[in-house]
């Protein structure tokens, strides 16, 4: 669906079940910024439910990498807030239980390395726009504003 992501060579994914700890399951880098996509495995179906990002472009053209806690993409995925002021390490587990999701499959992509220097905010906008144009709505866990 998102051909834009093929260019990123530093990427991976991991699964999260209700009995897992997000900080242990997450294999995203602590020294890179980028994009992450969250898919719900539920009732024999796989649905994209969230498009997120970590980082932005600094005034000098370099990419800002989150340093708090673990750092980078991993810190944003694990400690970023979603569903109120609750860190994802708790809120995602709550949502899995609430929505009867079997597992989440999280794909991450570092958008900067020696060959690329793409701003995660811009890539996130492109992906959200493409999703919206295809489905007429944003992914379930994304909200406007």
N, C-alpha and C. Protein backbone atom coordinates (compact mmCIF):
# COMPACT_ATOMS: atom_id res chain seq x y z
N UNK A 1 0.81 -1.20 0.00
CA UNK A 1 0.00 0.00 0.00
C UNK A 1 0.86 1.26 0.00
N UNK A 2 1.95 1.23 0.73
CA UNK A 2 2.79 2.42 0.85
C UNK A 2 4.15 2.19 0.20
N UNK A 3 4.22 2.39 -1.09
CA UNK A 3 5.48 2.23 -1.83
C UNK A 3 6.56 3.18 -1.33
N UNK A 4 6.15 4.28 -0.70
CA UNK A 4 7.10 5.27 -0.19
C UNK A 4 8.07 4.68 0.83
N UNK A 5 7.66 3.61 1.50
CA UNK A 5 8.47 3.04 2.58
C UNK A 5 9.56 2.08 2.10
N UNK A 6 9.50 1.66 0.86
CA UNK A 6 10.46 0.69 0.31
C UNK A 6 11.89 1.22 0.36
N UNK A 7 12.05 2.51 0.24
CA UNK A 7 13.39 3.11 0.20
C UNK A 7 14.15 3.05 1.53
N UNK A 8 13.45 2.77 2.62
CA UNK A 8 14.10 2.76 3.93
C UNK A 8 14.66 1.39 4.23
N UNK A 9 15.97 1.31 4.29
CA UNK A 9 16.66 0.03 4.49
C UNK A 9 16.71 -0.40 5.95
N UNK A 10 16.62 0.57 6.87
CA UNK A 10 16.63 0.27 8.29
C UNK A 10 15.17 0.20 8.75
N UNK A 11 14.64 -1.03 8.81
CA UNK A 11 13.25 -1.22 9.17
C UNK A 11 13.09 -2.58 9.84
N UNK A 12 11.94 -2.79 10.45
CA UNK A 12 11.65 -4.06 11.10
C UNK A 12 10.24 -4.08 11.60
N UNK A 13 9.89 -5.13 12.32
CA UNK A 13 8.56 -5.21 12.92
C UNK A 13 8.59 -6.16 14.11
N UNK A 14 7.56 -6.07 14.91
CA UNK A 14 7.41 -6.94 16.07
C UNK A 14 5.93 -7.09 16.38
N UNK A 15 5.59 -8.13 17.13
CA UNK A 15 4.22 -8.40 17.55
C UNK A 15 4.06 -8.01 19.01
N UNK A 16 2.84 -7.62 19.35
CA UNK A 16 2.49 -7.32 20.74
C UNK A 16 1.16 -7.98 21.05
N UNK A 17 1.18 -8.86 22.06
CA UNK A 17 -0.04 -9.50 22.56
C UNK A 17 -0.37 -8.90 23.92
N UNK A 18 -1.56 -9.13 24.40
CA UNK A 18 -2.02 -8.55 25.65
C UNK A 18 -1.14 -8.97 26.83
N UNK A 19 -0.49 -10.10 26.74
CA UNK A 19 0.35 -10.60 27.84
C UNK A 19 1.80 -10.12 27.74
N UNK A 20 2.14 -9.37 26.70
CA UNK A 20 3.52 -8.91 26.49
C UNK A 20 3.78 -7.57 27.15
N UNK A 21 5.05 -7.24 27.28
CA UNK A 21 5.49 -5.92 27.72
C UNK A 21 6.02 -5.21 26.48
N UNK A 22 5.45 -4.06 26.15
CA UNK A 22 5.82 -3.33 24.95
C UNK A 22 7.31 -3.00 24.92
N UNK A 23 7.87 -2.61 26.06
CA UNK A 23 9.29 -2.24 26.08
C UNK A 23 10.19 -3.44 25.75
N UNK A 24 9.76 -4.65 26.08
CA UNK A 24 10.53 -5.85 25.75
C UNK A 24 10.31 -6.28 24.31
N UNK A 25 9.07 -6.17 23.84
CA UNK A 25 8.73 -6.62 22.48
C UNK A 25 9.28 -5.69 21.40
N UNK A 26 9.33 -4.40 21.69
CA UNK A 26 9.71 -3.40 20.69
C UNK A 26 11.18 -3.53 20.31
N UNK A 27 11.44 -3.70 19.02
CA UNK A 27 12.82 -3.80 18.53
C UNK A 27 13.22 -2.61 17.66
N UNK A 28 12.46 -1.52 17.77
CA UNK A 28 12.77 -0.30 17.02
C UNK A 28 14.05 0.33 17.59
N UNK A 29 14.79 1.06 16.76
CA UNK A 29 16.06 1.65 17.21
C UNK A 29 15.85 2.80 18.20
N UNK A 30 16.83 2.95 19.08
CA UNK A 30 16.80 4.05 20.06
C UNK A 30 17.57 5.26 19.56
N UNK A 31 18.21 5.14 18.41
CA UNK A 31 19.04 6.23 17.90
C UNK A 31 18.59 6.76 16.54
N UNK A 32 17.36 6.43 16.14
CA UNK A 32 16.81 6.86 14.86
C UNK A 32 15.39 7.36 15.04
N UNK A 33 14.98 8.24 14.14
CA UNK A 33 13.60 8.70 14.07
C UNK A 33 12.96 8.09 12.84
N UNK A 34 11.64 8.14 12.76
CA UNK A 34 10.98 7.59 11.59
C UNK A 34 9.49 7.41 11.76
N UNK A 35 8.98 6.41 11.06
CA UNK A 35 7.55 6.14 10.93
C UNK A 35 7.25 4.76 11.51
N UNK A 36 6.05 4.59 12.06
CA UNK A 36 5.62 3.25 12.45
C UNK A 36 4.14 3.06 12.11
N UNK A 37 3.82 1.85 11.70
CA UNK A 37 2.47 1.47 11.31
C UNK A 37 2.00 0.35 12.24
N UNK A 38 0.80 0.47 12.75
CA UNK A 38 0.26 -0.53 13.67
C UNK A 38 -0.92 -1.24 13.00
N UNK A 39 -0.79 -2.55 12.90
CA UNK A 39 -1.84 -3.39 12.33
C UNK A 39 -2.46 -4.23 13.44
N UNK A 40 -3.80 -4.36 13.41
CA UNK A 40 -4.51 -5.21 14.36
C UNK A 40 -4.81 -6.55 13.71
N UNK A 41 -4.47 -7.62 14.41
CA UNK A 41 -4.83 -8.97 13.99
C UNK A 41 -6.06 -9.33 14.81
N UNK A 42 -7.20 -9.45 14.12
CA UNK A 42 -8.46 -9.59 14.84
C UNK A 42 -9.47 -10.33 13.97
N UNK A 43 -10.00 -11.41 14.49
CA UNK A 43 -11.03 -12.15 13.78
C UNK A 43 -10.61 -12.64 12.40
N UNK A 44 -9.37 -13.04 12.27
CA UNK A 44 -8.87 -13.53 10.99
C UNK A 44 -8.55 -12.44 9.98
N UNK A 45 -8.63 -11.19 10.40
CA UNK A 45 -8.34 -10.06 9.51
C UNK A 45 -7.14 -9.27 10.03
N UNK A 46 -6.50 -8.57 9.11
CA UNK A 46 -5.39 -7.68 9.45
C UNK A 46 -5.77 -6.29 8.96
N UNK A 47 -5.85 -5.33 9.88
CA UNK A 47 -6.23 -3.97 9.53
C UNK A 47 -5.22 -2.96 10.05
N UNK A 48 -4.86 -2.01 9.20
CA UNK A 48 -4.01 -0.90 9.62
C UNK A 48 -4.86 0.00 10.51
N UNK A 49 -4.42 0.19 11.76
CA UNK A 49 -5.22 0.99 12.69
C UNK A 49 -4.51 2.26 13.16
N UNK A 50 -3.21 2.40 12.86
CA UNK A 50 -2.51 3.60 13.32
C UNK A 50 -1.27 3.85 12.48
N UNK A 51 -1.05 5.12 12.16
CA UNK A 51 0.17 5.57 11.51
C UNK A 51 0.77 6.62 12.44
N UNK A 52 2.00 6.40 12.89
CA UNK A 52 2.64 7.33 13.81
C UNK A 52 4.05 7.66 13.37
N UNK A 53 4.66 8.58 14.07
CA UNK A 53 6.02 9.00 13.74
C UNK A 53 6.76 9.46 14.99
N UNK A 54 8.06 9.45 14.86
CA UNK A 54 8.92 9.99 15.90
C UNK A 54 9.95 10.87 15.21
N UNK A 55 10.10 12.09 15.67
CA UNK A 55 11.12 12.97 15.13
C UNK A 55 10.58 14.02 14.20
N UNK A 56 11.46 14.99 13.93
CA UNK A 56 11.15 16.09 13.03
C UNK A 56 12.47 16.61 12.48
N UNK A 57 12.41 17.53 11.56
CA UNK A 57 13.63 18.09 10.98
C UNK A 57 14.06 19.31 11.80
N UNK A 58 15.34 19.36 12.15
CA UNK A 58 15.91 20.51 12.83
C UNK A 58 16.13 21.64 11.82
N UNK A 59 16.38 22.84 12.33
CA UNK A 59 16.62 24.01 11.46
C UNK A 59 17.82 23.82 10.54
N UNK A 60 18.78 23.00 10.94
CA UNK A 60 19.97 22.79 10.12
C UNK A 60 19.81 21.64 9.11
N UNK A 61 18.59 21.07 9.03
CA UNK A 61 18.33 20.01 8.07
C UNK A 61 18.56 18.60 8.59
N UNK A 62 19.10 18.48 9.79
CA UNK A 62 19.28 17.15 10.38
C UNK A 62 17.95 16.70 11.00
N UNK A 63 17.85 15.41 11.26
CA UNK A 63 16.64 14.87 11.86
C UNK A 63 16.80 14.80 13.37
N UNK A 64 15.81 15.35 14.07
CA UNK A 64 15.78 15.30 15.53
C UNK A 64 15.49 13.88 15.98
N UNK A 65 16.28 13.37 16.91
CA UNK A 65 16.07 12.04 17.48
C UNK A 65 15.70 12.21 18.95
N UNK A 66 14.57 11.68 19.32
CA UNK A 66 14.06 11.73 20.69
C UNK A 66 15.08 11.11 21.65
N UNK A 67 15.43 11.82 22.72
CA UNK A 67 16.45 11.34 23.66
C UNK A 67 15.89 10.90 25.00
N UNK A 68 14.69 11.34 25.35
CA UNK A 68 14.13 11.01 26.67
C UNK A 68 13.95 9.51 26.83
N UNK A 69 14.16 9.01 28.01
CA UNK A 69 13.94 7.58 28.26
C UNK A 69 14.85 6.71 27.43
N UNK A 70 14.29 5.84 26.66
CA UNK A 70 15.05 4.90 25.82
C UNK A 70 15.67 5.60 24.61
N UNK A 71 14.98 6.58 24.06
CA UNK A 71 15.45 7.32 22.89
C UNK A 71 14.85 6.81 21.59
N UNK A 72 14.86 7.69 20.60
CA UNK A 72 14.49 7.36 19.23
C UNK A 72 13.08 6.82 19.04
N UNK A 73 12.95 6.06 17.97
CA UNK A 73 11.67 5.45 17.62
C UNK A 73 11.13 4.58 18.77
N UNK A 74 12.01 3.82 19.38
CA UNK A 74 11.57 2.93 20.47
C UNK A 74 10.92 3.73 21.59
N UNK A 75 11.52 4.83 21.99
CA UNK A 75 10.96 5.63 23.07
C UNK A 75 9.59 6.17 22.70
N UNK A 76 9.44 6.63 21.47
CA UNK A 76 8.15 7.18 21.03
C UNK A 76 7.07 6.08 21.02
N UNK A 77 7.43 4.91 20.52
CA UNK A 77 6.47 3.81 20.48
C UNK A 77 6.08 3.37 21.89
N UNK A 78 7.05 3.21 22.77
CA UNK A 78 6.80 2.67 24.12
C UNK A 78 6.23 3.71 25.07
N UNK A 79 6.78 4.92 25.07
CA UNK A 79 6.43 5.91 26.08
C UNK A 79 5.57 7.06 25.58
N UNK A 80 5.36 7.15 24.27
CA UNK A 80 4.48 8.19 23.75
C UNK A 80 3.07 7.99 24.27
N UNK A 81 2.31 9.06 24.39
CA UNK A 81 0.96 8.98 24.94
C UNK A 81 -0.07 8.73 23.84
N UNK A 82 -1.04 7.93 24.16
CA UNK A 82 -2.17 7.68 23.26
C UNK A 82 -3.35 7.26 24.11
N UNK A 83 -4.55 7.63 23.68
CA UNK A 83 -5.78 7.35 24.43
C UNK A 83 -5.74 8.07 25.78
N UNK A 84 -5.53 9.37 25.72
CA UNK A 84 -5.40 10.17 26.92
C UNK A 84 -3.92 10.36 27.24
N UNK A 85 -3.63 10.65 28.45
CA UNK A 85 -2.25 10.89 28.87
C UNK A 85 -1.60 9.60 29.38
N UNK A 86 -1.90 8.50 28.72
CA UNK A 86 -1.41 7.20 29.15
C UNK A 86 -0.31 6.74 28.19
N UNK A 87 0.87 6.37 28.69
CA UNK A 87 1.92 5.86 27.79
C UNK A 87 1.44 4.63 27.04
N UNK A 88 1.90 4.49 25.81
CA UNK A 88 1.48 3.36 24.98
C UNK A 88 1.78 2.01 25.62
N UNK A 89 2.82 1.92 26.44
CA UNK A 89 3.13 0.63 27.07
C UNK A 89 1.96 0.15 27.92
N UNK A 90 1.06 1.05 28.31
CA UNK A 90 -0.15 0.68 29.04
C UNK A 90 -1.39 0.80 28.15
N UNK A 91 -1.50 1.91 27.41
CA UNK A 91 -2.73 2.16 26.66
C UNK A 91 -2.95 1.14 25.54
N UNK A 92 -1.87 0.70 24.88
CA UNK A 92 -2.04 -0.29 23.82
C UNK A 92 -2.52 -1.63 24.38
N UNK A 93 -1.99 -2.02 25.53
CA UNK A 93 -2.45 -3.27 26.16
C UNK A 93 -3.92 -3.16 26.56
N UNK A 94 -4.32 -1.99 27.07
CA UNK A 94 -5.72 -1.76 27.41
C UNK A 94 -6.61 -1.87 26.17
N UNK A 95 -6.17 -1.27 25.05
CA UNK A 95 -6.97 -1.30 23.82
C UNK A 95 -7.06 -2.70 23.23
N UNK A 96 -5.98 -3.46 23.33
CA UNK A 96 -6.00 -4.85 22.86
C UNK A 96 -7.10 -5.62 23.59
N UNK A 97 -7.17 -5.44 24.90
CA UNK A 97 -8.18 -6.11 25.72
C UNK A 97 -9.58 -5.57 25.40
N UNK A 98 -9.73 -4.27 25.37
CA UNK A 98 -11.01 -3.62 25.14
C UNK A 98 -11.60 -3.97 23.77
N UNK A 99 -10.75 -3.99 22.74
CA UNK A 99 -11.22 -4.23 21.38
C UNK A 99 -11.13 -5.71 20.96
N UNK A 100 -10.71 -6.54 21.90
CA UNK A 100 -10.58 -7.98 21.63
C UNK A 100 -9.67 -8.25 20.42
N UNK A 101 -8.52 -7.59 20.43
CA UNK A 101 -7.51 -7.75 19.39
C UNK A 101 -6.59 -8.90 19.81
N UNK A 102 -6.32 -9.80 18.87
CA UNK A 102 -5.45 -10.94 19.18
C UNK A 102 -4.00 -10.51 19.35
N UNK A 103 -3.56 -9.62 18.49
CA UNK A 103 -2.19 -9.10 18.57
C UNK A 103 -2.07 -7.86 17.70
N UNK A 104 -1.08 -7.05 18.01
CA UNK A 104 -0.70 -5.93 17.15
C UNK A 104 0.57 -6.34 16.42
N UNK A 105 0.67 -5.95 15.17
CA UNK A 105 1.88 -6.16 14.38
C UNK A 105 2.38 -4.77 14.02
N UNK A 106 3.49 -4.36 14.60
CA UNK A 106 4.00 -3.00 14.45
C UNK A 106 5.22 -3.02 13.54
N UNK A 107 5.14 -2.25 12.45
CA UNK A 107 6.24 -2.10 11.50
C UNK A 107 6.84 -0.72 11.70
N UNK A 108 8.15 -0.64 11.73
CA UNK A 108 8.83 0.65 11.88
C UNK A 108 9.85 0.84 10.76
N UNK A 109 10.09 2.12 10.44
CA UNK A 109 11.00 2.50 9.35
C UNK A 109 11.79 3.74 9.80
N UNK A 110 13.11 3.62 9.87
CA UNK A 110 13.96 4.78 10.14
C UNK A 110 14.07 5.56 8.83
N UNK A 111 13.71 6.84 8.87
CA UNK A 111 13.65 7.64 7.65
C UNK A 111 14.92 8.44 7.37
N UNK A 112 15.98 8.14 8.13
CA UNK A 112 17.26 8.82 7.87
C UNK A 112 18.41 7.86 8.13
N UNK A 113 19.37 7.91 7.25
CA UNK A 113 20.62 7.16 7.36
C UNK A 113 21.63 7.82 6.44
N UNK A 114 22.67 7.07 6.06
CA UNK A 114 23.70 7.67 5.20
C UNK A 114 23.18 8.00 3.79
N UNK A 115 22.04 7.40 3.38
CA UNK A 115 21.50 7.63 2.04
C UNK A 115 20.21 8.44 1.99
N UNK A 116 19.50 8.54 3.10
CA UNK A 116 18.24 9.28 3.13
C UNK A 116 18.20 10.22 4.32
N UNK A 117 17.44 11.29 4.18
CA UNK A 117 17.27 12.26 5.25
C UNK A 117 15.86 12.83 5.17
N UNK A 118 14.87 11.94 5.31
CA UNK A 118 13.48 12.34 5.16
C UNK A 118 12.87 12.68 6.51
N UNK A 119 12.13 13.78 6.53
CA UNK A 119 11.46 14.25 7.74
C UNK A 119 10.28 13.34 8.07
N UNK A 120 10.25 12.73 9.26
CA UNK A 120 9.14 11.85 9.63
C UNK A 120 7.78 12.53 9.56
N UNK A 121 7.71 13.82 9.88
CA UNK A 121 6.43 14.53 9.83
C UNK A 121 5.89 14.53 8.40
N UNK A 122 6.76 14.79 7.43
CA UNK A 122 6.34 14.83 6.03
C UNK A 122 5.91 13.45 5.54
N UNK A 123 6.65 12.43 5.91
CA UNK A 123 6.30 11.06 5.49
C UNK A 123 4.98 10.65 6.12
N UNK A 124 4.78 10.98 7.40
CA UNK A 124 3.52 10.66 8.07
C UNK A 124 2.35 11.34 7.35
N UNK A 125 2.51 12.60 6.96
CA UNK A 125 1.45 13.32 6.24
C UNK A 125 1.12 12.63 4.93
N UNK A 126 2.13 12.21 4.20
CA UNK A 126 1.93 11.52 2.92
C UNK A 126 1.14 10.23 3.14
N UNK A 127 1.55 9.44 4.14
CA UNK A 127 0.89 8.15 4.39
C UNK A 127 -0.56 8.34 4.86
N UNK A 128 -0.78 9.30 5.75
CA UNK A 128 -2.14 9.56 6.22
C UNK A 128 -3.03 10.04 5.09
N UNK A 129 -2.50 10.90 4.24
CA UNK A 129 -3.25 11.41 3.09
C UNK A 129 -3.60 10.28 2.12
N UNK A 130 -2.63 9.43 1.86
CA UNK A 130 -2.87 8.31 0.95
C UNK A 130 -3.94 7.37 1.53
N UNK A 131 -3.84 7.07 2.81
CA UNK A 131 -4.84 6.22 3.46
C UNK A 131 -6.22 6.86 3.38
N UNK A 132 -6.29 8.15 3.70
CA UNK A 132 -7.56 8.86 3.67
C UNK A 132 -8.17 8.86 2.26
N UNK A 133 -7.34 9.07 1.26
CA UNK A 133 -7.83 9.07 -0.13
C UNK A 133 -8.35 7.71 -0.54
N UNK A 134 -7.78 6.64 -0.01
CA UNK A 134 -8.24 5.28 -0.35
C UNK A 134 -9.52 4.89 0.39
N UNK A 135 -9.61 5.27 1.69
CA UNK A 135 -10.69 4.77 2.54
C UNK A 135 -11.69 5.83 3.01
N UNK A 136 -11.41 7.10 2.76
CA UNK A 136 -12.32 8.16 3.16
C UNK A 136 -12.33 8.45 4.65
N UNK A 137 -11.36 7.93 5.36
CA UNK A 137 -11.23 8.13 6.80
C UNK A 137 -9.77 7.91 7.18
N UNK A 138 -9.41 8.30 8.39
CA UNK A 138 -8.08 8.00 8.91
C UNK A 138 -8.10 6.63 9.56
N UNK A 139 -6.92 6.02 9.77
CA UNK A 139 -6.89 4.76 10.52
C UNK A 139 -7.59 4.92 11.87
N UNK A 140 -8.17 3.86 12.36
CA UNK A 140 -9.00 3.85 13.56
C UNK A 140 -8.39 4.55 14.78
N UNK A 141 -7.11 4.37 15.02
CA UNK A 141 -6.48 4.96 16.21
C UNK A 141 -5.88 6.34 15.95
N UNK A 142 -5.90 6.82 14.74
CA UNK A 142 -5.46 8.19 14.45
C UNK A 142 -6.65 9.12 14.66
N UNK A 143 -6.38 10.30 15.15
CA UNK A 143 -7.46 11.27 15.27
C UNK A 143 -7.05 12.59 14.65
N UNK A 144 -8.02 13.32 14.18
CA UNK A 144 -7.78 14.62 13.55
C UNK A 144 -7.52 15.63 14.65
N UNK A 145 -6.50 16.49 14.42
CA UNK A 145 -6.24 17.57 15.35
C UNK A 145 -5.15 17.31 16.32
